[in-house]
N, C-alpha and C. Protein backbone atom coordinates (compact mmCIF):
# COMPACT_ATOMS: atom_id res chain seq x y z
N MET A 1 -4.70 -12.65 -7.06
CA MET A 1 -4.38 -11.68 -5.85
C MET A 1 -4.78 -12.42 -4.63
N ASN A 2 -3.88 -12.36 -3.63
CA ASN A 2 -4.17 -13.06 -2.32
C ASN A 2 -5.04 -12.09 -1.45
N ASP A 3 -5.32 -12.61 -0.32
CA ASP A 3 -6.20 -11.90 0.55
C ASP A 3 -5.63 -10.49 1.10
N LEU A 4 -4.38 -10.52 1.42
CA LEU A 4 -3.60 -9.45 1.86
C LEU A 4 -3.59 -8.23 0.75
N GLN A 5 -3.37 -8.65 -0.54
CA GLN A 5 -3.29 -7.83 -1.53
C GLN A 5 -4.67 -7.08 -1.91
N LYS A 6 -5.84 -8.01 -1.77
CA LYS A 6 -7.09 -7.52 -1.97
C LYS A 6 -7.44 -6.43 -0.81
N ASP A 7 -7.05 -6.75 0.43
CA ASP A 7 -7.31 -5.91 1.49
C ASP A 7 -6.60 -4.52 1.36
N ILE A 8 -5.30 -4.54 0.90
CA ILE A 8 -4.58 -3.34 0.58
C ILE A 8 -5.15 -2.63 -0.54
N ALA A 9 -5.61 -3.10 -1.45
CA ALA A 9 -6.34 -2.50 -2.68
C ALA A 9 -7.56 -1.78 -2.17
N GLN A 10 -8.32 -2.49 -1.28
CA GLN A 10 -9.54 -1.86 -0.86
C GLN A 10 -9.16 -0.76 0.23
N LEU A 11 -8.02 -0.89 0.94
CA LEU A 11 -7.69 0.14 1.82
C LEU A 11 -7.13 1.41 1.09
N ILE A 12 -6.65 1.19 -0.11
CA ILE A 12 -6.16 2.34 -1.01
C ILE A 12 -7.51 3.20 -1.41
N ILE A 13 -8.44 2.41 -1.77
CA ILE A 13 -9.68 3.00 -2.21
C ILE A 13 -10.37 3.75 -0.99
N ASP A 14 -10.52 3.16 0.02
CA ASP A 14 -11.21 3.73 1.11
C ASP A 14 -10.43 4.87 1.67
N THR A 15 -9.22 4.73 1.82
CA THR A 15 -8.41 5.88 2.39
C THR A 15 -8.17 7.07 1.62
N LEU A 16 -8.04 6.91 0.22
CA LEU A 16 -8.01 7.92 -0.61
C LEU A 16 -9.20 8.46 -1.37
N SER A 17 -10.41 7.72 -0.97
CA SER A 17 -11.78 8.08 -1.47
C SER A 17 -11.86 8.03 -3.05
N LEU A 18 -11.21 6.83 -3.56
CA LEU A 18 -11.17 6.60 -5.06
C LEU A 18 -12.68 5.99 -5.36
N GLU A 19 -13.49 6.79 -5.71
CA GLU A 19 -14.97 6.41 -5.98
C GLU A 19 -15.12 5.69 -7.25
N ASP A 20 -14.24 6.00 -8.25
CA ASP A 20 -14.45 5.58 -9.55
C ASP A 20 -13.72 4.17 -9.89
N ILE A 21 -13.22 3.61 -9.02
CA ILE A 21 -12.42 2.30 -9.14
C ILE A 21 -12.76 1.26 -8.16
N GLU A 22 -12.72 -0.05 -8.70
CA GLU A 22 -13.07 -1.18 -7.84
C GLU A 22 -11.65 -1.77 -7.34
N ALA A 23 -11.64 -2.39 -6.29
CA ALA A 23 -10.56 -3.08 -5.78
C ALA A 23 -9.89 -4.13 -6.78
N SER A 24 -10.79 -4.79 -7.58
CA SER A 24 -10.31 -5.87 -8.51
C SER A 24 -9.54 -5.22 -9.64
N GLU A 25 -9.77 -3.79 -9.84
CA GLU A 25 -9.23 -3.10 -10.96
C GLU A 25 -7.71 -2.76 -10.60
N ILE A 26 -7.35 -2.87 -9.35
CA ILE A 26 -6.06 -2.56 -8.90
C ILE A 26 -5.29 -3.82 -8.83
N THR A 27 -4.68 -4.19 -9.87
CA THR A 27 -3.90 -5.38 -10.05
C THR A 27 -2.65 -5.38 -9.24
N PRO A 28 -2.10 -6.50 -8.74
CA PRO A 28 -0.94 -6.41 -7.77
C PRO A 28 0.26 -5.73 -8.28
N ALA A 29 0.46 -5.75 -9.69
CA ALA A 29 1.61 -5.18 -10.28
C ALA A 29 1.35 -3.63 -10.83
N LEU A 30 0.13 -3.15 -10.79
CA LEU A 30 -0.24 -1.87 -11.23
C LEU A 30 0.50 -0.82 -10.37
N PRO A 31 1.26 0.04 -11.11
CA PRO A 31 2.08 1.08 -10.42
C PRO A 31 1.13 1.91 -9.81
N LEU A 32 1.39 2.42 -8.51
CA LEU A 32 0.58 3.13 -7.71
C LEU A 32 0.72 4.63 -8.08
N PHE A 33 1.93 5.06 -8.55
CA PHE A 33 2.18 6.38 -8.89
C PHE A 33 2.38 6.44 -10.43
N GLY A 34 2.30 7.78 -10.89
CA GLY A 34 2.75 8.04 -12.26
C GLY A 34 1.63 7.54 -13.16
N GLU A 35 2.03 6.71 -14.25
CA GLU A 35 1.19 6.28 -15.20
C GLU A 35 0.17 5.10 -14.70
N GLY A 36 0.45 4.67 -13.56
CA GLY A 36 -0.48 3.74 -13.06
C GLY A 36 -1.75 4.32 -12.45
N LEU A 37 -1.93 4.14 -11.28
CA LEU A 37 -3.04 4.63 -10.57
C LEU A 37 -2.90 6.25 -10.21
N GLY A 38 -1.88 6.70 -10.44
CA GLY A 38 -1.81 8.19 -10.48
C GLY A 38 -1.60 8.87 -9.11
N LEU A 39 -1.21 8.04 -8.02
CA LEU A 39 -1.13 8.69 -6.71
C LEU A 39 -0.09 9.79 -6.69
N ASP A 40 -0.11 10.55 -5.76
CA ASP A 40 1.00 11.63 -5.46
C ASP A 40 1.46 11.40 -4.16
N SER A 41 2.45 12.36 -3.65
CA SER A 41 3.14 12.19 -2.37
C SER A 41 2.26 12.42 -1.24
N ILE A 42 1.10 13.14 -1.37
CA ILE A 42 0.22 13.44 -0.29
C ILE A 42 -0.59 11.95 -0.05
N ASP A 43 -0.90 11.27 -1.23
CA ASP A 43 -1.54 10.13 -1.14
C ASP A 43 -0.81 9.09 -0.44
N ALA A 44 0.59 9.15 -0.74
CA ALA A 44 1.42 8.24 -0.07
C ALA A 44 1.51 8.38 1.34
N LEU A 45 1.57 9.65 1.83
CA LEU A 45 1.49 9.82 3.32
C LEU A 45 0.22 9.34 3.96
N GLU A 46 -0.93 9.59 3.33
CA GLU A 46 -2.16 9.08 3.94
C GLU A 46 -2.22 7.52 3.84
N LEU A 47 -1.84 7.02 2.77
CA LEU A 47 -1.70 5.61 2.69
C LEU A 47 -0.82 4.99 3.83
N ALA A 48 0.33 5.60 3.91
CA ALA A 48 1.33 5.07 5.02
C ALA A 48 0.73 5.08 6.42
N LEU A 49 -0.05 6.09 6.67
CA LEU A 49 -0.69 6.23 7.98
C LEU A 49 -1.75 5.12 8.09
N ALA A 50 -2.52 4.89 7.05
CA ALA A 50 -3.58 3.92 7.03
C ALA A 50 -2.99 2.56 7.30
N LEU A 51 -1.87 2.21 6.60
CA LEU A 51 -1.29 0.87 6.68
C LEU A 51 -0.77 0.61 8.12
N GLN A 52 -0.21 1.71 8.62
CA GLN A 52 0.32 1.70 9.98
C GLN A 52 -0.75 1.33 10.82
N LYS A 53 -1.82 2.03 10.80
CA LYS A 53 -2.95 1.80 11.77
C LYS A 53 -3.61 0.42 11.54
N ARG A 54 -3.84 0.05 10.26
CA ARG A 54 -4.52 -1.16 10.03
C ARG A 54 -3.65 -2.40 10.34
N TYR A 55 -2.43 -2.40 10.15
CA TYR A 55 -1.54 -3.47 10.22
C TYR A 55 -0.71 -3.48 11.41
N ASP A 56 -0.71 -2.39 12.19
CA ASP A 56 0.23 -2.11 13.40
C ASP A 56 1.68 -2.32 12.94
N ILE A 57 1.99 -1.60 12.04
CA ILE A 57 3.44 -1.73 11.49
C ILE A 57 3.96 -0.35 11.61
N GLN A 58 5.40 -0.22 11.52
CA GLN A 58 6.06 1.02 11.41
C GLN A 58 6.59 1.29 10.00
N ILE A 59 6.38 2.38 9.47
CA ILE A 59 6.94 2.69 8.07
C ILE A 59 7.83 3.97 8.36
N ALA A 60 9.04 3.77 8.21
CA ALA A 60 9.96 4.98 8.20
C ALA A 60 9.96 5.95 7.08
N SER A 61 9.54 7.11 7.19
CA SER A 61 9.36 8.08 6.09
C SER A 61 10.76 8.33 5.41
N ASP A 62 11.80 8.19 6.09
CA ASP A 62 13.13 8.45 5.48
C ASP A 62 13.88 7.28 4.94
N SER A 63 13.10 6.13 4.87
CA SER A 63 13.69 4.95 4.41
C SER A 63 14.04 5.05 2.94
N ARG A 64 15.20 4.60 2.57
CA ARG A 64 15.48 4.59 1.08
C ARG A 64 14.54 3.58 0.32
N ASP A 65 14.21 2.61 1.02
CA ASP A 65 13.37 1.50 0.37
C ASP A 65 11.83 1.91 0.43
N ALA A 66 11.48 2.94 0.92
CA ALA A 66 9.99 3.40 0.90
C ALA A 66 9.41 3.56 -0.51
N ARG A 67 10.14 4.07 -1.30
CA ARG A 67 9.63 4.22 -2.81
C ARG A 67 9.47 2.81 -3.43
N GLN A 68 10.33 1.82 -3.20
CA GLN A 68 10.13 0.44 -3.56
C GLN A 68 8.94 -0.23 -2.91
N HIS A 69 8.71 -0.09 -1.65
CA HIS A 69 7.65 -0.62 -0.97
C HIS A 69 6.32 -0.08 -1.55
N PHE A 70 6.13 1.13 -1.94
CA PHE A 70 5.03 1.68 -2.40
C PHE A 70 4.85 1.66 -3.90
N ALA A 71 5.61 0.81 -4.52
CA ALA A 71 5.58 0.82 -6.13
C ALA A 71 4.29 0.28 -6.63
N ASN A 72 3.62 -0.75 -5.88
CA ASN A 72 2.51 -1.34 -6.30
C ASN A 72 2.02 -2.22 -5.07
N VAL A 73 0.70 -2.80 -5.23
CA VAL A 73 0.08 -3.51 -4.26
C VAL A 73 0.94 -4.85 -3.81
N GLU A 74 1.47 -5.27 -4.80
CA GLU A 74 2.33 -6.61 -4.56
C GLU A 74 3.48 -6.24 -3.62
N SER A 75 4.18 -5.06 -3.87
CA SER A 75 5.35 -4.81 -3.02
C SER A 75 4.86 -4.30 -1.69
N LEU A 76 3.75 -3.67 -1.61
CA LEU A 76 3.17 -3.21 -0.31
C LEU A 76 2.83 -4.40 0.54
N ALA A 77 2.25 -5.49 -0.10
CA ALA A 77 1.77 -6.62 0.62
C ALA A 77 3.07 -7.42 1.14
N ALA A 78 4.04 -7.52 0.27
CA ALA A 78 5.29 -8.09 0.71
C ALA A 78 6.02 -7.29 1.94
N PHE A 79 5.92 -6.01 1.88
CA PHE A 79 6.49 -5.07 3.02
C PHE A 79 5.68 -5.28 4.21
N VAL A 80 4.27 -5.34 4.17
CA VAL A 80 3.45 -5.55 5.42
C VAL A 80 3.76 -7.10 5.99
N GLU A 81 3.92 -7.92 5.06
CA GLU A 81 4.20 -9.32 5.61
C GLU A 81 5.58 -9.31 6.34
N ALA A 82 6.53 -8.73 5.73
CA ALA A 82 7.90 -8.72 6.39
C ALA A 82 7.87 -7.99 7.61
N GLN A 83 7.10 -6.95 7.76
CA GLN A 83 7.07 -6.21 9.06
C GLN A 83 6.24 -6.99 10.13
N ARG A 84 5.23 -7.67 9.64
CA ARG A 84 4.45 -8.60 10.58
C ARG A 84 5.36 -9.68 11.19
N THR A 85 6.15 -10.27 10.16
CA THR A 85 6.99 -11.38 10.63
C THR A 85 8.13 -10.82 11.62
N ALA A 86 8.72 -9.64 11.23
CA ALA A 86 9.68 -9.05 12.14
C ALA A 86 9.15 -8.61 13.51
N CYS A 87 7.87 -8.23 13.61
CA CYS A 87 7.32 -7.89 14.90
C CYS A 87 7.01 -9.01 15.68
N ALA A 88 6.66 -10.16 15.03
CA ALA A 88 6.34 -11.48 15.73
C ALA A 88 7.42 -12.07 16.33
N SER A 89 8.71 -11.73 15.74
CA SER A 89 9.81 -12.43 16.34
C SER A 89 10.23 -11.91 17.57
């Protein structure tokens, strides 16, 4: 797990007050919804706000790709990196 993925895993824990799990237990490929971490749509909204604030990025709530971006920590990290790169250009 790279530094950004670790940071996002910890952000998930802090934002959603997940007291019974450690960041190291959220592997990059672990699904965030359903059978994986078990997050719901309200959690997704809270997480999206936290990501926007922490990384100064924009997340369009009506994006068709939003579900893919929030699939797991790995996809979230890739999305954050892409947004940072796009903003730096």
